[in-house]
């Protein structure tokens, strides 16, 4: 994907990756801020929480 994030100075190529991983058998997702969020009971719950996290981060950016 070619484009700009709000904090980027110039357009760049950004690669999407699988954000969900297992750590000690539990599901977590990683963020651009280098945090691990979780644990979650199943991949569906993790996917819902990823979307909620993205929406929270976008709302925070819009307030600045």
PDB file of N, CA and C in Angstrom:
ATOM      1  N   UNK A   1       0.858  -1.160   0.000  1.00  0.00           N
ATOM      2  CA  UNK A   1       0.000   0.000   0.000  1.00  0.00           C
ATOM      3  C   UNK A   1       0.907   1.226   0.000  1.00  0.00           C
ATOM      4  N   UNK A   2       0.616   2.177  -0.865  1.00  0.00           N
ATOM      5  CA  UNK A   2       1.401   3.397  -0.970  1.00  0.00           C
ATOM      6  C   UNK A   2       0.558   4.551  -0.473  1.00  0.00           C
ATOM      7  N   UNK A   3       1.046   5.292   0.479  1.00  0.00           N
ATOM      8  CA  UNK A   3       0.272   6.400   1.013  1.00  0.00           C
ATOM      9  C   UNK A   3       0.973   7.052   2.174  1.00  0.00           C
ATOM     10  N   UNK A   4       0.279   7.993   2.796  1.00  0.00           N
ATOM     11  CA  UNK A   4       0.851   8.722   3.928  1.00  0.00           C
ATOM     12  C   UNK A   4       0.015   8.539   5.174  1.00  0.00           C
ATOM     13  N   UNK A   5       0.684   8.324   6.271  1.00  0.00           N
ATOM     14  CA  UNK A   5       0.044   8.374   7.575  1.00  0.00           C
ATOM     15  C   UNK A   5       0.127   9.825   8.040  1.00  0.00           C
ATOM     16  N   UNK A   6      -0.677  10.186   9.002  1.00  0.00           N
ATOM     17  CA  UNK A   6      -0.707  11.569   9.484  1.00  0.00           C
ATOM     18  C   UNK A   6       0.666  12.035   9.968  1.00  0.00           C
ATOM     19  N   UNK A   7       1.443  11.148  10.584  1.00  0.00           N
ATOM     20  CA  UNK A   7       2.733  11.554  11.128  1.00  0.00           C
ATOM     21  C   UNK A   7       3.887  11.436  10.144  1.00  0.00           C
ATOM     22  N   UNK A   8       3.642  10.958   8.917  1.00  0.00           N
ATOM     23  CA  UNK A   8       4.695  10.805   7.916  1.00  0.00           C
ATOM     24  C   UNK A   8       5.010  12.132   7.235  1.00  0.00           C
ATOM     25  N   UNK A   9       6.279  12.311   6.899  1.00  0.00           N
ATOM     26  CA  UNK A   9       6.709  13.504   6.171  1.00  0.00           C
ATOM     27  C   UNK A   9       6.514  13.359   4.667  1.00  0.00           C
ATOM     28  N   UNK A  10       6.568  12.126   4.175  1.00  0.00           N
ATOM     29  CA  UNK A  10       6.449  11.882   2.739  1.00  0.00           C
ATOM     30  C   UNK A  10       5.751  10.546   2.525  1.00  0.00           C
ATOM     31  N   UNK A  11       5.140  10.374   1.336  1.00  0.00           N
ATOM     32  CA  UNK A  11       4.508   9.079   1.052  1.00  0.00           C
ATOM     33  C   UNK A  11       5.531   7.944   1.127  1.00  0.00           C
ATOM     34  N   UNK A  12       5.063   6.787   1.537  1.00  0.00           N
ATOM     35  CA  UNK A  12       5.933   5.623   1.657  1.00  0.00           C
ATOM     36  C   UNK A  12       5.096   4.368   1.479  1.00  0.00           C
ATOM     37  N   UNK A  13       5.785   3.261   1.305  1.00  0.00           N
ATOM     38  CA  UNK A  13       5.103   1.986   1.204  1.00  0.00           C
ATOM     39  C   UNK A  13       4.951   1.404   2.598  1.00  0.00           C
ATOM     40  N   UNK A  14       3.716   1.022   2.954  1.00  0.00           N
ATOM     41  CA  UNK A  14       3.437   0.419   4.258  1.00  0.00           C
ATOM     42  C   UNK A  14       2.875  -0.972   4.012  1.00  0.00           C
ATOM     43  N   UNK A  15       3.385  -1.943   4.718  1.00  0.00           N
ATOM     44  CA  UNK A  15       2.951  -3.317   4.554  1.00  0.00           C
ATOM     45  C   UNK A  15       2.079  -3.728   5.724  1.00  0.00           C
ATOM     46  N   UNK A  16       0.946  -4.330   5.415  1.00  0.00           N
ATOM     47  CA  UNK A  16       0.092  -4.866   6.466  1.00  0.00           C
ATOM     48  C   UNK A  16       0.592  -6.255   6.829  1.00  0.00           C
ATOM     49  N   UNK A  17       0.490  -6.578   8.081  1.00  0.00           N
ATOM     50  CA  UNK A  17       0.878  -7.909   8.522  1.00  0.00           C
ATOM     51  C   UNK A  17      -0.186  -8.428   9.476  1.00  0.00           C
ATOM     52  N   UNK A  18      -0.116  -9.708   9.739  1.00  0.00           N
ATOM     53  CA  UNK A  18      -1.058 -10.298  10.681  1.00  0.00           C
ATOM     54  C   UNK A  18      -0.751  -9.737  12.061  1.00  0.00           C
ATOM     55  N   UNK A  19      -1.690  -9.062  12.656  1.00  0.00           N
ATOM     56  CA  UNK A  19      -1.476  -8.428  13.955  1.00  0.00           C
ATOM     57  C   UNK A  19      -1.724  -9.375  15.117  1.00  0.00           C
ATOM     58  N   UNK A  20      -2.353 -10.508  14.853  1.00  0.00           N
ATOM     59  CA  UNK A  20      -2.693 -11.441  15.934  1.00  0.00           C
ATOM     60  C   UNK A  20      -1.595 -12.486  16.068  1.00  0.00           C
ATOM     61  N   UNK A  21      -1.168 -12.715  17.306  1.00  0.00           N
ATOM     62  CA  UNK A  21      -0.154 -13.745  17.553  1.00  0.00           C
ATOM     63  C   UNK A  21      -0.499 -14.480  18.843  1.00  0.00           C
ATOM     64  N   UNK A  22       0.135 -15.607  19.050  1.00  0.00           N
ATOM     65  CA  UNK A  22      -0.032 -16.378  20.283  1.00  0.00           C
ATOM     66  C   UNK A  22       1.226 -16.249  21.117  1.00  0.00           C
ATOM     67  N   UNK A  23       1.028 -15.952  22.379  1.00  0.00           N
ATOM     68  CA  UNK A  23       2.128 -15.900  23.344  1.00  0.00           C
ATOM     69  C   UNK A  23       1.714 -16.793  24.501  1.00  0.00           C
ATOM     70  N   UNK A  24       2.496 -17.831  24.733  1.00  0.00           N
ATOM     71  CA  UNK A  24       2.176 -18.824  25.766  1.00  0.00           C
ATOM     72  C   UNK A  24       0.755 -19.356  25.608  1.00  0.00           C
ATOM     73  N   UNK A  25       0.343 -19.558  24.358  1.00  0.00           N
ATOM     74  CA  UNK A  25      -0.964 -20.130  24.073  1.00  0.00           C
ATOM     75  C   UNK A  25      -2.118 -19.149  24.099  1.00  0.00           C
ATOM     76  N   UNK A  26      -1.860 -17.873  24.438  1.00  0.00           N
ATOM     77  CA  UNK A  26      -2.920 -16.877  24.505  1.00  0.00           C
ATOM     78  C   UNK A  26      -2.816 -15.922  23.318  1.00  0.00           C
ATOM     79  N   UNK A  27      -3.972 -15.418  22.847  1.00  0.00           N
ATOM     80  CA  UNK A  27      -4.016 -14.521  21.692  1.00  0.00           C
ATOM     81  C   UNK A  27      -3.817 -13.068  22.108  1.00  0.00           C
ATOM     82  N   UNK A  28      -2.952 -12.387  21.355  1.00  0.00           N
ATOM     83  CA  UNK A  28      -2.680 -10.967  21.544  1.00  0.00           C
ATOM     84  C   UNK A  28      -2.615 -10.322  20.165  1.00  0.00           C
ATOM     85  N   UNK A  29      -2.711  -8.988  20.139  1.00  0.00           N
ATOM     86  CA  UNK A  29      -2.381  -8.304  18.889  1.00  0.00           C
ATOM     87  C   UNK A  29      -1.352  -7.228  19.182  1.00  0.00           C
ATOM     88  N   UNK A  30      -0.535  -6.947  18.176  1.00  0.00           N
ATOM     89  CA  UNK A  30       0.499  -5.936  18.318  1.00  0.00           C
ATOM     90  C   UNK A  30       0.051  -4.645  17.650  1.00  0.00           C
ATOM     91  N   UNK A  31       0.566  -3.527  18.144  1.00  0.00           N
ATOM     92  CA  UNK A  31       0.182  -2.216  17.640  1.00  0.00           C
ATOM     93  C   UNK A  31       1.398  -1.509  17.048  1.00  0.00           C
ATOM     94  N   UNK A  32       1.158  -0.442  16.299  1.00  0.00           N
ATOM     95  CA  UNK A  32       2.244   0.390  15.774  1.00  0.00           C
ATOM     96  C   UNK A  32       3.021   1.042  16.902  1.00  0.00           C
ATOM     97  N   UNK A  33       2.394   1.185  18.038  1.00  0.00           N
ATOM     98  CA  UNK A  33       3.039   1.794  19.197  1.00  0.00           C
ATOM     99  C   UNK A  33       3.896   0.779  19.958  1.00  0.00           C
ATOM    100  N   UNK A  34       4.054  -0.408  19.384  1.00  0.00           N
ATOM    101  CA  UNK A  34       4.861  -1.495  19.968  1.00  0.00           C
ATOM    102  C   UNK A  34       4.331  -1.984  21.303  1.00  0.00           C
ATOM    103  N   UNK A  35       3.006  -2.124  21.387  1.00  0.00           N
ATOM    104  CA  UNK A  35       2.409  -2.732  22.568  1.00  0.00           C
ATOM    105  C   UNK A  35       1.749  -4.042  22.162  1.00  0.00           C
ATOM    106  N   UNK A  36       1.575  -4.915  23.115  1.00  0.00           N
ATOM    107  CA  UNK A  36       0.834  -6.165  22.932  1.00  0.00           C
ATOM    108  C   UNK A  36      -0.461  -6.018  23.705  1.00  0.00           C
ATOM    109  N   UNK A  37      -1.587  -6.138  23.015  1.00  0.00           N
ATOM    110  CA  UNK A  37      -2.896  -6.002  23.644  1.00  0.00           C
ATOM    111  C   UNK A  37      -3.524  -7.384  23.771  1.00  0.00           C
ATOM    112  N   UNK A  38      -4.113  -7.682  24.915  1.00  0.00           N
ATOM    113  CA  UNK A  38      -4.749  -8.964  25.121  1.00  0.00           C
ATOM    114  C   UNK A  38      -4.565  -9.400  26.554  1.00  0.00           C
ATOM    115  N   UNK A  39      -4.796 -10.629  26.855  1.00  0.00           N
ATOM    116  CA  UNK A  39      -5.111 -11.758  25.967  1.00  0.00           C
ATOM    117  C   UNK A  39      -6.596 -11.806  25.605  1.00  0.00           C
ATOM    118  N   UNK A  40      -6.884 -12.507  24.503  1.00  0.00           N
ATOM    119  CA  UNK A  40      -8.243 -12.678  24.016  1.00  0.00           C
ATOM    120  C   UNK A  40      -8.569 -14.165  23.936  1.00  0.00           C
ATOM    121  N   UNK A  41      -9.842 -14.482  24.084  1.00  0.00           N
ATOM    122  CA  UNK A  41     -10.269 -15.881  24.130  1.00  0.00           C
ATOM    123  C   UNK A  41     -10.272 -16.556  22.771  1.00  0.00           C
ATOM    124  N   UNK A  42     -10.510 -15.767  21.693  1.00  0.00           N
ATOM    125  CA  UNK A  42     -10.569 -16.359  20.354  1.00  0.00           C
ATOM    126  C   UNK A  42     -10.214 -15.298  19.319  1.00  0.00           C
ATOM    127  N   UNK A  43      -9.913 -15.721  18.081  1.00  0.00           N
ATOM    128  CA  UNK A  43      -9.534 -14.761  17.034  1.00  0.00           C
ATOM    129  C   UNK A  43     -10.616 -13.728  16.725  1.00  0.00           C
ATOM    130  N   UNK A  44     -11.882 -14.094  16.862  1.00  0.00           N
ATOM    131  CA  UNK A  44     -12.970 -13.157  16.582  1.00  0.00           C
ATOM    132  C   UNK A  44     -12.972 -12.013  17.586  1.00  0.00           C
ATOM    133  N   UNK A  45     -12.777 -12.349  18.860  1.00  0.00           N
ATOM    134  CA  UNK A  45     -12.716 -11.310  19.890  1.00  0.00           C
ATOM    135  C   UNK A  45     -11.508 -10.410  19.650  1.00  0.00           C
ATOM    136  N   UNK A  46     -10.385 -10.996  19.291  1.00  0.00           N
ATOM    137  CA  UNK A  46      -9.186 -10.205  18.997  1.00  0.00           C
ATOM    138  C   UNK A  46      -9.441  -9.265  17.827  1.00  0.00           C
ATOM    139  N   UNK A  47     -10.098  -9.742  16.781  1.00  0.00           N
ATOM    140  CA  UNK A  47     -10.395  -8.900  15.615  1.00  0.00           C
ATOM    141  C   UNK A  47     -11.310  -7.740  15.993  1.00  0.00           C
ATOM    142  N   UNK A  48     -12.302  -7.996  16.837  1.00  0.00           N
ATOM    143  CA  UNK A  48     -13.188  -6.914  17.297  1.00  0.00           C
ATOM    144  C   UNK A  48     -12.400  -5.880  18.097  1.00  0.00           C
ATOM    145  N   UNK A  49     -11.500  -6.353  18.939  1.00  0.00           N
ATOM    146  CA  UNK A  49     -10.705  -5.443  19.756  1.00  0.00           C
ATOM    147  C   UNK A  49      -9.693  -4.662  18.922  1.00  0.00           C
ATOM    148  N   UNK A  50      -9.187  -5.256  17.857  1.00  0.00           N
ATOM    149  CA  UNK A  50      -8.311  -4.519  16.941  1.00  0.00           C
ATOM    150  C   UNK A  50      -9.075  -3.342  16.349  1.00  0.00           C
ATOM    151  N   UNK A  51     -10.290  -3.591  15.877  1.00  0.00           N
ATOM    152  CA  UNK A  51     -11.091  -2.528  15.285  1.00  0.00           C
ATOM    153  C   UNK A  51     -11.401  -1.443  16.314  1.00  0.00           C
ATOM    154  N   UNK A  52     -11.733  -1.836  17.523  1.00  0.00           N
ATOM    155  CA  UNK A  52     -12.013  -0.863  18.577  1.00  0.00           C
ATOM    156  C   UNK A  52     -10.762  -0.041  18.898  1.00  0.00           C
ATOM    157  N   UNK A  53      -9.608  -0.689  18.922  1.00  0.00           N
ATOM    158  CA  UNK A  53      -8.347   0.010  19.193  1.00  0.00           C
ATOM    159  C   UNK A  53      -8.064   1.040  18.101  1.00  0.00           C
ATOM    160  N   UNK A  54      -8.236   0.635  16.844  1.00  0.00           N
ATOM    161  CA  UNK A  54      -8.010   1.553  15.720  1.00  0.00           C
ATOM    162  C   UNK A  54      -8.930   2.763  15.832  1.00  0.00           C
ATOM    163  N   UNK A  55     -10.197   2.533  16.145  1.00  0.00           N
ATOM    164  CA  UNK A  55     -11.148   3.643  16.283  1.00  0.00           C
ATOM    165  C   UNK A  55     -10.753   4.579  17.424  1.00  0.00           C
ATOM    166  N   UNK A  56     -10.295   4.014  18.546  1.00  0.00           N
ATOM    167  CA  UNK A  56      -9.842   4.852  19.669  1.00  0.00           C
ATOM    168  C   UNK A  56      -8.645   5.715  19.257  1.00  0.00           C
ATOM    169  N   UNK A  57      -7.706   5.121  18.556  1.00  0.00           N
ATOM    170  CA  UNK A  57      -6.511   5.857  18.136  1.00  0.00           C
ATOM    171  C   UNK A  57      -6.870   6.950  17.135  1.00  0.00           C
ATOM    172  N   UNK A  58      -7.796   6.674  16.226  1.00  0.00           N
ATOM    173  CA  UNK A  58      -8.221   7.686  15.273  1.00  0.00           C
ATOM    174  C   UNK A  58      -8.929   8.835  15.980  1.00  0.00           C
ATOM    175  N   UNK A  59      -9.742   8.528  16.972  1.00  0.00           N
ATOM    176  CA  UNK A  59     -10.426   9.576  17.740  1.00  0.00           C
ATOM    177  C   UNK A  59      -9.424  10.448  18.496  1.00  0.00           C
ATOM    178  N   UNK A  60      -8.391   9.827  19.048  1.00  0.00           N
ATOM    179  CA  UNK A  60      -7.361  10.597  19.742  1.00  0.00           C
ATOM    180  C   UNK A  60      -6.631  11.533  18.780  1.00  0.00           C
ATOM    181  N   UNK A  61      -6.327  11.051  17.580  1.00  0.00           N
ATOM    182  CA  UNK A  61      -5.653  11.871  16.574  1.00  0.00           C
ATOM    183  C   UNK A  61      -6.515  13.031  16.126  1.00  0.00           C
ATOM    184  N   UNK A  62      -7.819  12.797  16.003  1.00  0.00           N
ATOM    185  CA  UNK A  62      -8.742  13.835  15.547  1.00  0.00           C
ATOM    186  C   UNK A  62      -8.865  14.954  16.577  1.00  0.00           C
ATOM    187  N   UNK A  63      -8.656  14.643  17.837  1.00  0.00           N
ATOM    188  CA  UNK A  63      -8.779  15.643  18.910  1.00  0.00           C
ATOM    189  C   UNK A  63      -7.580  16.579  18.988  1.00  0.00           C
ATOM    190  N   UNK A  64      -6.468  16.178  18.395  1.00  0.00           N
ATOM    191  CA  UNK A  64      -5.222  16.984  18.487  1.00  0.00           C
ATOM    192  C   UNK A  64      -5.214  18.121  17.535  1.00  0.00           C
TER     193      UNK A  64
END
